[in-house]
C-alpha atoms as a PDB file:
ATOM      1  CA  MET A   1      38.865  74.837 156.566  1.00  0.00           C
ATOM      2  CA  GLU A   2      38.512  75.374 160.257  1.00  0.00           C
ATOM      3  CA  SER A   3      40.470  75.621 163.276  1.00  0.00           C
ATOM      4  CA  LEU A   4      39.577  72.171 165.129  1.00  0.00           C
ATOM      5  CA  ASP A   5      38.943  73.099 169.060  1.00  0.00           C
ATOM      6  CA  ILE A   6      40.511  70.262 171.212  1.00  0.00           C
ATOM      7  CA  ALA A   7      39.056  70.467 173.730  1.00  0.00           C
ATOM      8  CA  GLU A   8      35.244  69.369 171.790  1.00  0.00           C
ATOM      9  CA  LEU A   9      36.953  66.548 170.679  1.00  0.00           C
ATOM     10  CA  THR A  10      38.662  64.467 172.903  1.00  0.00           C
ATOM     11  CA  ARG A  11      34.456  65.074 174.850  1.00  0.00           C
ATOM     12  CA  PHE A  12      33.048  63.420 171.704  1.00  0.00           C
ATOM     13  CA  VAL A  13      35.911  61.174 171.410  1.00  0.00           C
ATOM     14  CA  ASN A  14      35.315  60.020 175.618  1.00  0.00           C
ATOM     15  CA  ASN A  15      31.896  60.264 175.168  1.00  0.00           C
ATOM     16  CA  ASN A  16      32.261  57.758 172.042  1.00  0.00           C
ATOM     17  CA  ILE A  17      34.995  54.887 172.500  1.00  0.00           C
ATOM     18  CA  SER A  18      32.901  54.369 175.906  1.00  0.00           C
ATOM     19  CA  LEU A  19      29.923  53.136 173.095  1.00  0.00           C
ATOM     20  CA  PHE A  20      32.203  51.310 171.664  1.00  0.00           C
ATOM     21  CA  HIS A  21      33.390  49.229 174.700  1.00  0.00           C
ATOM     22  CA  GLU A  22      29.283  48.958 175.189  1.00  0.00           C
ATOM     23  CA  SER A  23      29.328  47.990 171.665  1.00  0.00           C
ATOM     24  CA  LYS A  24      32.366  45.094 172.656  1.00  0.00           C
ATOM     25  CA  LEU A  25      30.240  43.670 175.756  1.00  0.00           C
ATOM     26  CA  GLU A  26      26.705  43.441 174.745  1.00  0.00           C
ATOM     27  CA  ARG A  27      28.031  41.026 171.379  1.00  0.00           C
ATOM     28  CA  LEU A  28      30.230  38.975 174.245  1.00  0.00           C
ATOM     29  CA  ARG A  29      26.932  38.029 176.412  1.00  0.00           C
ATOM     30  CA  SER A  30      24.708  37.940 173.174  1.00  0.00           C
ATOM     31  CA  LEU A  31      27.163  35.139 171.681  1.00  0.00           C
ATOM     32  CA  ARG A  32      26.444  32.023 171.926  1.00  0.00           C
ATOM     33  CA  LEU A  33      28.706  28.493 172.193  1.00  0.00           C
ATOM     34  CA  LYS A  34      27.382  26.592 169.141  1.00  0.00           C
ATOM     35  CA  ASP A  35      27.087  29.977 166.588  1.00  0.00           C
ATOM     36  CA  VAL A  36      30.525  30.983 166.802  1.00  0.00           C
ATOM     37  CA  LEU A  37      31.792  27.367 166.609  1.00  0.00           C
ATOM     38  CA  LYS A  38      30.066  27.579 163.780  1.00  0.00           C
ATOM     39  CA  LYS A  39      32.055  30.527 161.765  1.00  0.00           C
ATOM     40  CA  LYS A  40      35.244  29.427 162.883  1.00  0.00           C
ATOM     41  CA  ASN A  41      37.224  26.273 160.881  1.00  0.00           C
ATOM     42  CA  PRO A  42      37.350  23.420 162.495  1.00  0.00           C
ATOM     43  CA  TYR A  43      40.554  21.985 160.219  1.00  0.00           C
ATOM     44  CA  LEU A  44      42.736  25.457 161.468  1.00  0.00           C
ATOM     45  CA  PHE A  45      42.076  24.400 164.890  1.00  0.00           C
ATOM     46  CA  LYS A  46      42.879  20.770 164.965  1.00  0.00           C
ATOM     47  CA  ALA A  47      46.688  21.353 162.614  1.00  0.00           C
ATOM     48  CA  LYS A  48      46.784  23.666 165.688  1.00  0.00           C
ATOM     49  CA  ASN A  49      47.029  20.659 167.616  1.00  0.00           C
ATOM     50  CA  ILE A  50      45.135  22.045 170.612  1.00  0.00           C
ATOM     51  CA  THR A  51      43.535  19.000 172.711  1.00  0.00           C
ATOM     52  CA  LEU A  52      42.494  21.090 176.031  1.00  0.00           C
ATOM     53  CA  ALA A  53      38.366  22.248 175.113  1.00  0.00           C
ATOM     54  CA  THR A  54      39.650  25.628 177.411  1.00  0.00           C
ATOM     55  CA  GLU A  55      42.128  26.120 174.771  1.00  0.00           C
ATOM     56  CA  LEU A  56      39.803  25.684 171.845  1.00  0.00           C
ATOM     57  CA  VAL A  57      36.867  27.703 172.966  1.00  0.00           C
ATOM     58  CA  THR A  58      39.093  30.554 173.999  1.00  0.00           C
ATOM     59  CA  SER A  59      40.739  30.254 170.287  1.00  0.00           C
ATOM     60  CA  VAL A  60      37.823  30.166 168.318  1.00  0.00           C
ATOM     61  CA  LEU A  61      35.917  32.906 170.726  1.00  0.00           C
ATOM     62  CA  ASP A  62      39.294  35.137 170.127  1.00  0.00           C
ATOM     63  CA  ALA A  63      38.606  34.936 166.696  1.00  0.00           C
ATOM     64  CA  PHE A  64      35.136  35.709 166.297  1.00  0.00           C
ATOM     65  CA  LEU A  65      36.030  38.601 168.766  1.00  0.00           C
ATOM     66  CA  SER A  66      38.804  40.083 166.949  1.00  0.00           C
ATOM     67  CA  SER A  67      36.835  40.130 163.400  1.00  0.00           C
ATOM     68  CA  SER A  68      34.185  41.826 165.451  1.00  0.00           C
ATOM     69  CA  GLU A  69      36.407  44.202 167.268  1.00  0.00           C
ATOM     70  CA  GLU A  70      37.075  45.320 164.005  1.00  0.00           C
ATOM     71  CA  LYS A  71      34.079  46.484 162.327  1.00  0.00           C
ATOM     72  CA  ILE A  72      33.012  47.934 166.038  1.00  0.00           C
ATOM     73  CA  PHE A  73      36.167  50.178 165.806  1.00  0.00           C
ATOM     74  CA  GLY A  74      35.324  50.494 162.214  1.00  0.00           C
ATOM     75  CA  ASP A  75      32.283  52.028 162.887  1.00  0.00           C
ATOM     76  CA  PHE A  76      33.793  53.922 165.791  1.00  0.00           C
ATOM     77  CA  LEU A  77      36.377  55.641 163.593  1.00  0.00           C
ATOM     78  CA  GLU A  78      33.630  55.929 160.782  1.00  0.00           C
ATOM     79  CA  GLU A  79      31.863  58.686 163.420  1.00  0.00           C
ATOM     80  CA  LEU A  80      34.939  60.830 163.984  1.00  0.00           C
ATOM     81  CA  ALA A  81      35.835  61.379 161.401  1.00  0.00           C
ATOM     82  CA  ILE A  82      32.973  62.246 160.267  1.00  0.00           C
ATOM     83  CA  PHE A  83      32.102  64.627 163.131  1.00  0.00           C
ATOM     84  CA  ILE A  84      35.739  66.169 162.447  1.00  0.00           C
ATOM     85  CA  SER A  85      34.669  67.077 158.708  1.00  0.00           C
ATOM     86  CA  GLU A  86      31.160  68.822 160.147  1.00  0.00           C
ATOM     87  CA  ARG A  87      33.406  71.202 162.432  1.00  0.00           C
ATOM     88  CA  THR A  88      36.508  72.166 159.674  1.00  0.00           C
ATOM     89  CA  CYS A  89      34.791  72.611 156.567  1.00  0.00           C
ATOM     90  CA  GLY A  90      30.664  71.750 156.782  1.00  0.00           C
ATOM     91  CA  GLY A  91      31.194  68.256 156.324  1.00  0.00           C
ATOM     92  CA  ARG A  92      28.585  65.955 156.457  1.00  0.00           C
ATOM     93  CA  LYS A  93      27.847  62.397 156.303  1.00  0.00           C
ATOM     94  CA  SER A  94      26.657  61.369 153.080  1.00  0.00           C
ATOM     95  CA  THR A  95      23.322  59.175 152.054  1.00  0.00           C
ATOM     96  CA  ALA A  96      24.535  57.795 148.463  1.00  0.00           C
ATOM     97  CA  THR A  97      25.251  54.064 148.304  1.00  0.00           C
ATOM     98  CA  GLY A  98      28.783  53.182 149.653  1.00  0.00           C
ATOM     99  CA  ILE A  99      29.659  56.291 150.400  1.00  0.00           C
ATOM    100  CA  ASP A 100      30.332  57.680 154.572  1.00  0.00           C
ATOM    101  CA  LEU A 101      31.499  61.262 153.711  1.00  0.00           C
ATOM    102  CA  GLU A 102      30.797  64.485 152.080  1.00  0.00           C
ATOM    103  CA  PHE A 103      32.740  68.072 151.959  1.00  0.00           C
ATOM    104  CA  GLU A 104      33.799  70.338 150.334  1.00  0.00           C
ATOM    105  CA  ASN A 105      36.966  73.147 150.469  1.00  0.00           C
ATOM    106  CA  GLU A 106      38.713  74.976 148.323  1.00  0.00           C
ATOM    107  CA  GLY A 107      36.290  74.807 145.916  1.00  0.00           C
ATOM    108  CA  LYS A 108      36.155  71.163 145.305  1.00  0.00           C
ATOM    109  CA  ARG A 109      33.262  68.708 145.898  1.00  0.00           C
ATOM    110  CA  TYR A 110      35.436  65.176 148.171  1.00  0.00           C
ATOM    111  CA  ILE A 111      32.571  62.497 148.519  1.00  0.00           C
ATOM    112  CA  VAL A 112      34.859  59.072 150.393  1.00  0.00           C
ATOM    113  CA  SER A 113      34.358  56.011 151.815  1.00  0.00           C
ATOM    114  CA  ILE A 114      35.951  55.969 155.057  1.00  0.00           C
ATOM    115  CA  LYS A 115      38.011  52.373 156.222  1.00  0.00           C
ATOM    116  CA  SER A 116      39.776  51.368 159.282  1.00  0.00           C
ATOM    117  CA  GLY A 117      42.930  50.180 158.161  1.00  0.00           C
ATOM    118  CA  PRO A 118      45.229  49.002 155.024  1.00  0.00           C
ATOM    119  CA  ASN A 119      43.652  45.927 154.568  1.00  0.00           C
ATOM    120  CA  TRP A 120      40.352  45.732 153.691  1.00  0.00           C
ATOM    121  CA  GLY A 121      37.962  44.525 150.936  1.00  0.00           C
ATOM    122  CA  ASN A 122      38.979  41.523 148.654  1.00  0.00           C
ATOM    123  CA  ASN A 123      38.526  42.083 144.303  1.00  0.00           C
ATOM    124  CA  ALA A 124      34.518  42.144 144.054  1.00  0.00           C
ATOM    125  CA  GLN A 125      34.520  44.771 147.369  1.00  0.00           C
ATOM    126  CA  HIS A 126      36.903  46.903 145.645  1.00  0.00           C
ATOM    127  CA  ARG A 127      35.336  46.885 141.977  1.00  0.00           C
ATOM    128  CA  ARG A 128      32.159  47.713 143.930  1.00  0.00           C
ATOM    129  CA  GLN A 129      33.093  50.314 145.176  1.00  0.00           C
ATOM    130  CA  GLU A 130      34.232  52.246 142.152  1.00  0.00           C
ATOM    131  CA  GLN A 131      30.840  51.538 141.119  1.00  0.00           C
ATOM    132  CA  ASP A 132      29.777  53.146 143.838  1.00  0.00           C
ATOM    133  CA  PHE A 133      31.920  56.503 143.156  1.00  0.00           C
ATOM    134  CA  GLN A 134      31.561  56.004 139.813  1.00  0.00           C
ATOM    135  CA  THR A 135      28.158  56.099 140.537  1.00  0.00           C
ATOM    136  CA  ALA A 136      27.629  58.810 143.277  1.00  0.00           C
ATOM    137  CA  VAL A 137      30.035  61.261 140.774  1.00  0.00           C
ATOM    138  CA  ARG A 138      27.432  60.995 137.839  1.00  0.00           C
ATOM    139  CA  VAL A 139      24.365  61.602 140.688  1.00  0.00           C
ATOM    140  CA  LEU A 140      25.953  65.159 141.264  1.00  0.00           C
ATOM    141  CA  ARG A 141      26.916  65.920 137.775  1.00  0.00           C
ATOM    142  CA  GLN A 142      23.456  65.409 136.924  1.00  0.00           C
ATOM    143  CA  ALA A 143      22.312  68.216 139.191  1.00  0.00           C
ATOM    144  CA  ARG A 144      25.441  70.609 138.370  1.00  0.00           C
ATOM    145  CA  SER A 145      27.491  69.817 135.734  1.00  0.00           C
ATOM    146  CA  ASN A 146      30.093  71.928 136.168  1.00  0.00           C
ATOM    147  CA  ILE A 147      30.926  70.101 139.837  1.00  0.00           C
ATOM    148  CA  ASN A 148      34.255  69.740 140.690  1.00  0.00           C
ATOM    149  CA  ILE A 149      34.869  65.886 142.686  1.00  0.00           C
ATOM    150  CA  GLU A 150      37.041  64.534 143.451  1.00  0.00           C
ATOM    151  CA  PRO A 151      35.839  60.162 144.731  1.00  0.00           C
ATOM    152  CA  VAL A 152      38.454  59.590 148.130  1.00  0.00           C
ATOM    153  CA  LEU A 153      38.884  56.105 149.448  1.00  0.00           C
ATOM    154  CA  GLY A 154      39.808  57.416 153.740  1.00  0.00           C
ATOM    155  CA  ILE A 155      41.608  54.906 155.739  1.00  0.00           C
ATOM    156  CA  CYS A 156      42.185  55.600 159.471  1.00  0.00           C
ATOM    157  CA  TYR A 157      45.735  54.145 159.251  1.00  0.00           C
ATOM    158  CA  GLY A 158      48.634  52.965 157.374  1.00  0.00           C
ATOM    159  CA  LYS A 159      51.852  54.274 155.825  1.00  0.00           C
ATOM    160  CA  VAL A 160      50.239  54.183 151.426  1.00  0.00           C
ATOM    161  CA  ARG A 161      51.493  56.453 149.743  1.00  0.00           C
ATOM    162  CA  THR A 162      48.444  59.339 148.352  1.00  0.00           C
ATOM    163  CA  ARG A 163      48.046  58.136 144.864  1.00  0.00           C
ATOM    164  CA  HIS A 164      44.816  57.662 142.709  1.00  0.00           C
ATOM    165  CA  LEU A 165      43.365  54.329 141.776  1.00  0.00           C
ATOM    166  CA  ARG A 166      40.315  52.822 139.863  1.00  0.00           C
ATOM    167  CA  GLY A 167      39.588  56.223 139.408  1.00  0.00           C
ATOM    168  CA  TYR A 168      39.773  57.314 142.469  1.00  0.00           C
ATOM    169  CA  LEU A 169      41.831  58.900 145.067  1.00  0.00           C
ATOM    170  CA  LYS A 170      43.193  56.726 147.940  1.00  0.00           C
ATOM    171  CA  VAL A 171      44.572  59.094 151.170  1.00  0.00           C
ATOM    172  CA  VAL A 172      46.367  56.929 154.115  1.00  0.00           C
ATOM    173  CA  GLY A 173      46.994  57.334 157.732  1.00  0.00           C
ATOM    174  CA  GLN A 174      48.678  60.909 158.913  1.00  0.00           C
ATOM    175  CA  ASN A 175      47.001  62.351 155.362  1.00  0.00           C
ATOM    176  CA  PHE A 176      43.314  61.530 155.992  1.00  0.00           C
ATOM    177  CA  TRP A 177      42.931  62.503 158.682  1.00  0.00           C
ATOM    178  CA  TYR A 178      44.764  66.077 157.459  1.00  0.00           C
ATOM    179  CA  LEU A 179      42.566  66.216 154.576  1.00  0.00           C
ATOM    180  CA  ILE A 180      38.993  65.953 156.633  1.00  0.00           C
ATOM    181  CA  SER A 181      40.400  68.484 159.016  1.00  0.00           C
ATOM    182  CA  GLY A 182      44.007  70.437 158.019  1.00  0.00           C
ATOM    183  CA  GLU A 183      45.480  69.366 161.020  1.00  0.00           C
ATOM    184  CA  LYS A 184      49.190  67.896 160.433  1.00  0.00           C
ATOM    185  CA  LYS A 185      49.058  66.281 163.900  1.00  0.00           C
ATOM    186  CA  LEU A 186      45.677  65.387 164.330  1.00  0.00           C
ATOM    187  CA  TYR A 187      46.639  61.477 163.455  1.00  0.00           C
ATOM    188  CA  THR A 188      48.549  61.779 167.047  1.00  0.00           C
ATOM    189  CA  ASP A 189      46.493  64.220 168.852  1.00  0.00           C
ATOM    190  CA  ILE A 190      43.739  61.722 168.790  1.00  0.00           C
ATOM    191  CA  ILE A 191      45.318  59.219 170.867  1.00  0.00           C
ATOM    192  CA  GLU A 192      45.286  59.977 173.739  1.00  0.00           C
ATOM    193  CA  PRO A 193      41.986  60.317 174.202  1.00  0.00           C
ATOM    194  CA  ILE A 194      41.282  57.298 172.495  1.00  0.00           C
ATOM    195  CA  GLY A 195      41.917  55.707 175.392  1.00  0.00           C
ATOM    196  CA  TYR A 196      39.959  57.212 177.463  1.00  0.00           C
ATOM    197  CA  ARG A 197      39.625  54.588 180.326  1.00  0.00           C
ATOM    198  CA  ALA A 198      41.298  52.227 178.050  1.00  0.00           C
ATOM    199  CA  LYS A 199      41.993  49.562 181.576  1.00  0.00           C
ATOM    200  CA  GLN A 200      38.779  50.005 183.158  1.00  0.00           C
ATOM    201  CA  HIS A 201      36.711  48.748 180.111  1.00  0.00           C
ATOM    202  CA  ASN A 202      38.920  45.818 179.409  1.00  0.00           C
ATOM    203  CA  ASP A 203      39.182  44.565 183.489  1.00  0.00           C
ATOM    204  CA  GLU A 204      35.548  44.546 182.831  1.00  0.00           C
ATOM    205  CA  PHE A 205      35.752  42.598 179.292  1.00  0.00           C
ATOM    206  CA  LEU A 206      38.166  40.845 180.612  1.00  0.00           C
ATOM    207  CA  LYS A 207      35.714  39.547 183.164  1.00  0.00           C
ATOM    208  CA  GLN A 208      33.095  39.111 181.348  1.00  0.00           C
ATOM    209  CA  LYS A 209      34.979  37.381 178.732  1.00  0.00           C
ATOM    210  CA  ASP A 210      36.342  35.074 181.518  1.00  0.00           C
ATOM    211  CA  LYS A 211      32.678  34.161 182.489  1.00  0.00           C
ATOM    212  CA  VAL A 212      31.461  33.297 178.934  1.00  0.00           C
ATOM    213  CA  VAL A 213      34.893  31.191 178.501  1.00  0.00           C
ATOM    214  CA  ASN A 214      33.724  29.127 181.844  1.00  0.00           C
ATOM    215  CA  LEU A 215      30.455  28.732 180.311  1.00  0.00           C
ATOM    216  CA  PHE A 216      31.408  27.623 176.836  1.00  0.00           C
ATOM    217  CA  THR A 217      33.899  24.938 177.529  1.00  0.00           C
ATOM    218  CA  GLN A 218      31.143  23.805 179.581  1.00  0.00           C
ATOM    219  CA  GLN A 219      28.707  23.120 177.423  1.00  0.00           C
ATOM    220  CA  PHE A 220      31.457  22.199 174.111  1.00  0.00           C
ATOM    221  CA  LEU A 221      32.541  19.280 177.383  1.00  0.00           C
ATOM    222  CA  ASP A 222      28.879  18.790 177.491  1.00  0.00           C
ATOM    223  CA  GLU A 223      28.371  18.078 173.799  1.00  0.00           C
ATOM    224  CA  PHE A 224      31.424  17.855 171.713  1.00  0.00           C
ATOM    225  CA  CYS A 225      34.063  15.424 174.364  1.00  0.00           C
ATOM    226  CA  GLU A 226      34.478  12.070 175.130  1.00  0.00           C
ATOM    227  CA  GLU A 227      35.466  10.552 178.076  1.00  0.00           C
ATOM    228  CA  GLY A 228      37.906  13.524 177.845  1.00  0.00           C
ATOM    229  CA  SER A 229      38.969  13.927 174.288  1.00  0.00           C
ATOM    230  CA  ILE A 230      37.579  16.773 171.835  1.00  0.00           C
ATOM    231  CA  ASN A 231      35.493  14.576 169.204  1.00  0.00           C
ATOM    232  CA  TRP A 232      36.357  16.160 166.585  1.00  0.00           C
ATOM    233  CA  LYS A 233      34.476  14.457 163.830  1.00  0.00           C
ATOM    234  CA  LYS A 234      32.026  15.717 166.151  1.00  0.00           C
ATOM    235  CA  LEU A 235      33.013  19.048 165.824  1.00  0.00           C
ATOM    236  CA  VAL A 236      33.071  18.865 162.571  1.00  0.00           C
ATOM    237  CA  GLU A 237      29.512  16.993 161.407  1.00  0.00           C
ATOM    238  CA  PHE A 238      28.649  20.170 162.977  1.00  0.00           C
ATOM    239  CA  ASN A 239      30.799  23.042 161.658  1.00  0.00           C
ATOM    240  CA  SER A 240      30.706  20.845 157.929  1.00  0.00           C
ATOM    241  CA  GLY A 241      27.561  18.119 157.695  1.00  0.00           C
ATOM    242  CA  ASN A 242      25.425  19.534 154.935  1.00  0.00           C
ATOM    243  CA  PHE A 243      25.444  16.609 152.366  1.00  0.00           C
ATOM    244  CA  ASP A 244      22.625  17.489 149.696  1.00  0.00           C
ATOM    245  CA  LEU A 245      24.229  16.761 146.337  1.00  0.00           C
ATOM    246  CA  ASN A 246      22.469  13.027 145.993  1.00  0.00           C
ATOM    247  CA  LYS A 247      18.562  15.452 145.902  1.00  0.00           C
ATOM    248  CA  ARG A 248      20.819  17.534 142.644  1.00  0.00           C
ATOM    249  CA  HIS A 249      17.878  18.320 140.137  1.00  0.00           C
ATOM    250  CA  VAL A 250      20.724  19.104 137.158  1.00  0.00           C
END
């Protein structure tokens, strides 16, 4: 493997972490209250005894944004891993379904699916990942029957030990970043540039979020409150009312 130029890595992270924050802001600005309310569990918020419109709006918005943020940041980490592999061993973004990265090292072809964290997917998604690896391996061997292929599930953070699982190698945290770079300390080297201008970006995000909370709270008061109290029946009807079983043809 080639040595990684840390200055070049820092420039890449600085540029692309700004895109992460811009994507967060764009996602926030594009939200509509009813779209958010449709996707969150009203029973949970009632069970938490939320009585203030502002508190409910903030809780729903935070839960929605947290899910969105994980996806956006996961995309950033995937691009970072591909960039690192590209520089160290000629890696490239894969075109195979369910595979993110391909590279060769010491006579072995690695096909890698990248996940940001260890708690990804359900059983059906895990089975689909296994099938995607099997398909990718089969296609590669059709072109080169004697190729040595290592399917890898690469997880960007966590402390799970390396092991073979469902026909692929599961590599987590420090081991994943070492696999694509040959650098044992890379997993800590990238933390500082990831924080580039973080306070400035987050201050701007919080300012915009406060505006959205105020706007959504006014809309929620108009739509789902009566005499200053949350109308939970109306909220649940909006979120889940869809009765049509009387029209079903068996």
